[in-house]
Amino acid sequence: MHMQIKSRILGRTLTFTRPGRSYLYVDLNGSEGSLGKQLCRDGRTTGSTITLRGEHQPDFNRLCRRWYTQYIRNVKRGTE
């Protein structure tokens, strides 16, 4: 699965992927797929990981957008 978000706040396009069966990744470090940063709870890249089973693209998109919103809040607070 694959999705992109154009982030004006970060000044770049983020690519979200699920290269395997369940773990989600984002290319915050410049690497895509499982070499990217893993999505974790509360908009973090460490901690309890977010997983998705199945092939339902709308669920994947919703999880990525929710994570991105939380991540941006953390960036603005200076906690990420």
N, C-alpha and C. Protein backbone atom coordinates (compact mmCIF):
# COMPACT_ATOMS: atom_id res chain seq x y z
N MET A 1 0.85 -1.17 0.00
CA MET A 1 0.00 0.00 0.00
C MET A 1 0.89 1.23 0.00
N HIS A 2 0.34 2.31 -0.53
CA HIS A 2 1.13 3.50 -0.75
C HIS A 2 0.23 4.73 -0.72
N MET A 3 0.74 5.82 -0.14
CA MET A 3 -0.01 7.08 -0.10
C MET A 3 0.96 8.23 0.09
N GLN A 4 0.65 9.38 -0.46
CA GLN A 4 1.49 10.56 -0.29
C GLN A 4 0.68 11.72 0.27
N ILE A 5 1.34 12.53 1.10
CA ILE A 5 0.76 13.75 1.63
C ILE A 5 1.75 14.87 1.35
N LYS A 6 1.29 15.93 0.70
CA LYS A 6 2.13 17.11 0.48
C LYS A 6 2.02 18.00 1.70
N SER A 7 3.11 18.10 2.45
CA SER A 7 3.10 18.85 3.70
C SER A 7 3.69 20.24 3.48
N ARG A 8 2.86 21.25 3.59
CA ARG A 8 3.36 22.62 3.50
C ARG A 8 4.18 22.96 4.74
N ILE A 9 3.80 22.42 5.88
CA ILE A 9 4.50 22.71 7.13
C ILE A 9 5.92 22.17 7.09
N LEU A 10 6.09 20.95 6.59
CA LEU A 10 7.42 20.35 6.51
C LEU A 10 8.15 20.73 5.22
N GLY A 11 7.42 21.26 4.26
CA GLY A 11 8.02 21.69 3.00
C GLY A 11 8.42 20.55 2.09
N ARG A 12 7.70 19.44 2.16
CA ARG A 12 8.02 18.28 1.32
C ARG A 12 6.84 17.33 1.25
N THR A 13 6.95 16.37 0.37
CA THR A 13 5.93 15.33 0.25
C THR A 13 6.35 14.12 1.06
N LEU A 14 5.46 13.64 1.90
CA LEU A 14 5.73 12.44 2.69
C LEU A 14 5.09 11.24 2.00
N THR A 15 5.82 10.14 1.94
CA THR A 15 5.31 8.92 1.34
C THR A 15 5.11 7.89 2.45
N PHE A 16 3.89 7.41 2.55
CA PHE A 16 3.52 6.38 3.53
C PHE A 16 3.41 5.05 2.80
N THR A 17 3.93 3.99 3.41
CA THR A 17 3.87 2.67 2.79
C THR A 17 3.58 1.59 3.83
N ARG A 18 3.10 0.47 3.33
CA ARG A 18 3.00 -0.74 4.13
C ARG A 18 3.64 -1.82 3.27
N PRO A 19 4.97 -2.00 3.41
CA PRO A 19 5.67 -2.94 2.54
C PRO A 19 5.41 -4.41 2.86
N GLY A 20 5.00 -4.71 4.05
CA GLY A 20 4.76 -6.10 4.43
C GLY A 20 3.29 -6.34 4.69
N ARG A 21 3.02 -7.11 5.73
CA ARG A 21 1.64 -7.47 6.04
C ARG A 21 0.94 -6.53 7.01
N SER A 22 1.70 -5.79 7.85
CA SER A 22 0.98 -5.01 8.85
C SER A 22 1.63 -3.68 9.25
N TYR A 23 2.94 -3.54 9.27
CA TYR A 23 3.57 -2.33 9.80
C TYR A 23 3.57 -1.21 8.77
N LEU A 24 3.34 0.02 9.26
CA LEU A 24 3.26 1.20 8.41
C LEU A 24 4.52 2.05 8.58
N TYR A 25 4.97 2.65 7.48
CA TYR A 25 6.20 3.44 7.48
C TYR A 25 5.99 4.76 6.74
N VAL A 26 6.83 5.75 7.08
CA VAL A 26 6.84 7.04 6.40
C VAL A 26 8.30 7.40 6.12
N ASP A 27 8.55 8.10 5.02
CA ASP A 27 9.91 8.41 4.60
C ASP A 27 10.47 9.69 5.22
N LEU A 28 10.26 9.90 6.51
CA LEU A 28 10.78 11.10 7.19
C LEU A 28 12.30 11.18 7.15
N ASN A 29 12.96 10.05 7.10
CA ASN A 29 14.42 10.02 7.08
C ASN A 29 14.98 9.96 5.66
N GLY A 30 14.12 10.10 4.66
CA GLY A 30 14.56 10.07 3.27
C GLY A 30 14.54 8.69 2.64
N SER A 31 14.22 7.66 3.42
CA SER A 31 14.17 6.30 2.90
C SER A 31 12.72 5.80 2.92
N GLU A 32 12.33 5.13 1.84
CA GLU A 32 10.98 4.60 1.75
C GLU A 32 10.92 3.15 2.23
N GLY A 33 9.70 2.66 2.38
CA GLY A 33 9.49 1.27 2.76
C GLY A 33 9.97 1.00 4.17
N SER A 34 10.43 -0.21 4.39
CA SER A 34 10.83 -0.61 5.74
C SER A 34 12.12 0.07 6.20
N LEU A 35 12.77 0.85 5.34
CA LEU A 35 13.93 1.63 5.75
C LEU A 35 13.53 3.00 6.28
N GLY A 36 12.26 3.35 6.14
CA GLY A 36 11.74 4.61 6.65
C GLY A 36 11.46 4.53 8.14
N LYS A 37 10.78 5.55 8.64
CA LYS A 37 10.40 5.59 10.06
C LYS A 37 9.07 4.88 10.24
N GLN A 38 8.98 4.08 11.30
CA GLN A 38 7.76 3.33 11.57
C GLN A 38 6.74 4.22 12.28
N LEU A 39 5.48 4.12 11.87
CA LEU A 39 4.41 4.89 12.50
C LEU A 39 4.06 4.27 13.84
N CYS A 40 4.03 5.12 14.88
CA CYS A 40 3.69 4.68 16.23
C CYS A 40 2.57 5.56 16.77
N ARG A 41 2.00 5.14 17.87
CA ARG A 41 0.87 5.84 18.47
C ARG A 41 1.21 7.31 18.77
N ASP A 42 0.19 8.13 18.78
CA ASP A 42 0.27 9.55 19.15
C ASP A 42 1.19 10.36 18.24
N GLY A 43 1.30 9.99 16.97
CA GLY A 43 2.09 10.76 16.02
C GLY A 43 3.59 10.66 16.25
N ARG A 44 4.02 9.57 16.81
CA ARG A 44 5.44 9.37 17.11
C ARG A 44 6.06 8.38 16.12
N THR A 45 7.39 8.25 16.18
CA THR A 45 8.09 7.26 15.37
C THR A 45 8.79 6.23 16.26
N THR A 46 8.55 6.31 17.56
CA THR A 46 9.02 5.30 18.50
C THR A 46 7.88 5.01 19.47
N GLY A 47 7.87 3.81 20.00
CA GLY A 47 6.82 3.44 20.95
C GLY A 47 5.95 2.33 20.41
N SER A 48 4.67 2.39 20.72
CA SER A 48 3.72 1.36 20.28
C SER A 48 3.40 1.54 18.80
N THR A 49 3.73 0.54 18.02
CA THR A 49 3.57 0.64 16.57
C THR A 49 2.11 0.54 16.14
N ILE A 50 1.82 1.18 15.03
CA ILE A 50 0.50 1.13 14.41
C ILE A 50 0.54 0.07 13.33
N THR A 51 -0.43 -0.83 13.34
CA THR A 51 -0.48 -1.88 12.32
C THR A 51 -1.81 -1.86 11.60
N LEU A 52 -1.80 -2.44 10.41
CA LEU A 52 -3.03 -2.55 9.62
C LEU A 52 -2.99 -3.87 8.89
N ARG A 53 -3.98 -4.68 9.10
CA ARG A 53 -4.13 -5.95 8.38
C ARG A 53 -5.16 -5.76 7.28
N GLY A 54 -5.04 -6.53 6.23
CA GLY A 54 -5.99 -6.45 5.14
C GLY A 54 -5.52 -5.49 4.06
N GLU A 55 -6.32 -5.39 3.01
CA GLU A 55 -5.95 -4.59 1.83
C GLU A 55 -6.94 -3.45 1.56
N HIS A 56 -7.49 -2.86 2.60
CA HIS A 56 -8.50 -1.82 2.42
C HIS A 56 -7.80 -0.45 2.39
N GLN A 57 -7.62 0.11 1.20
CA GLN A 57 -6.89 1.37 1.01
C GLN A 57 -7.49 2.53 1.81
N PRO A 58 -8.81 2.68 1.89
CA PRO A 58 -9.36 3.79 2.70
C PRO A 58 -8.95 3.72 4.17
N ASP A 59 -8.85 2.52 4.74
CA ASP A 59 -8.39 2.38 6.13
C ASP A 59 -6.94 2.82 6.25
N PHE A 60 -6.11 2.42 5.30
CA PHE A 60 -4.70 2.81 5.27
C PHE A 60 -4.59 4.33 5.19
N ASN A 61 -5.32 4.95 4.28
CA ASN A 61 -5.29 6.41 4.12
C ASN A 61 -5.70 7.12 5.40
N ARG A 62 -6.75 6.63 6.04
CA ARG A 62 -7.26 7.23 7.28
C ARG A 62 -6.21 7.14 8.40
N LEU A 63 -5.58 5.98 8.56
CA LEU A 63 -4.55 5.83 9.59
C LEU A 63 -3.37 6.77 9.34
N CYS A 64 -2.95 6.87 8.10
CA CYS A 64 -1.81 7.73 7.76
C CYS A 64 -2.13 9.20 8.00
N ARG A 65 -3.31 9.62 7.57
CA ARG A 65 -3.70 11.02 7.77
C ARG A 65 -3.85 11.36 9.26
N ARG A 66 -4.41 10.44 10.03
CA ARG A 66 -4.55 10.66 11.48
C ARG A 66 -3.17 10.76 12.13
N TRP A 67 -2.27 9.85 11.76
CA TRP A 67 -0.91 9.89 12.30
C TRP A 67 -0.22 11.20 11.92
N TYR A 68 -0.34 11.60 10.66
CA TYR A 68 0.29 12.83 10.18
C TYR A 68 -0.21 14.05 10.98
N THR A 69 -1.52 14.14 11.23
CA THR A 69 -2.08 15.25 12.00
C THR A 69 -1.48 15.30 13.40
N GLN A 70 -1.37 14.15 14.04
CA GLN A 70 -0.78 14.09 15.38
C GLN A 70 0.70 14.42 15.33
N TYR A 71 1.39 13.96 14.30
CA TYR A 71 2.83 14.24 14.15
C TYR A 71 3.06 15.74 14.01
N ILE A 72 2.27 16.42 13.19
CA ILE A 72 2.42 17.86 13.00
C ILE A 72 2.16 18.60 14.31
N ARG A 73 1.17 18.17 15.09
CA ARG A 73 0.95 18.78 16.41
C ARG A 73 2.20 18.65 17.27
N ASN A 74 2.83 17.48 17.24
CA ASN A 74 4.06 17.26 18.02
C ASN A 74 5.19 18.17 17.53
N VAL A 75 5.30 18.31 16.22
CA VAL A 75 6.34 19.18 15.64
C VAL A 75 6.14 20.62 16.11
N LYS A 76 4.90 21.10 16.06
CA LYS A 76 4.60 22.46 16.48
C LYS A 76 4.87 22.68 17.96
N ARG A 77 4.65 21.65 18.78
CA ARG A 77 4.92 21.74 20.22
C ARG A 77 6.41 21.58 20.54
N GLY A 78 7.16 21.07 19.56
CA GLY A 78 8.58 20.82 19.79
C GLY A 78 8.84 19.50 20.50
N THR A 79 7.88 18.58 20.45
CA THR A 79 8.05 17.31 21.13
C THR A 79 8.40 16.19 20.16
N GLU A 80 8.61 16.50 18.90
CA GLU A 80 9.03 15.47 17.93
C GLU A 80 10.21 15.99 17.14
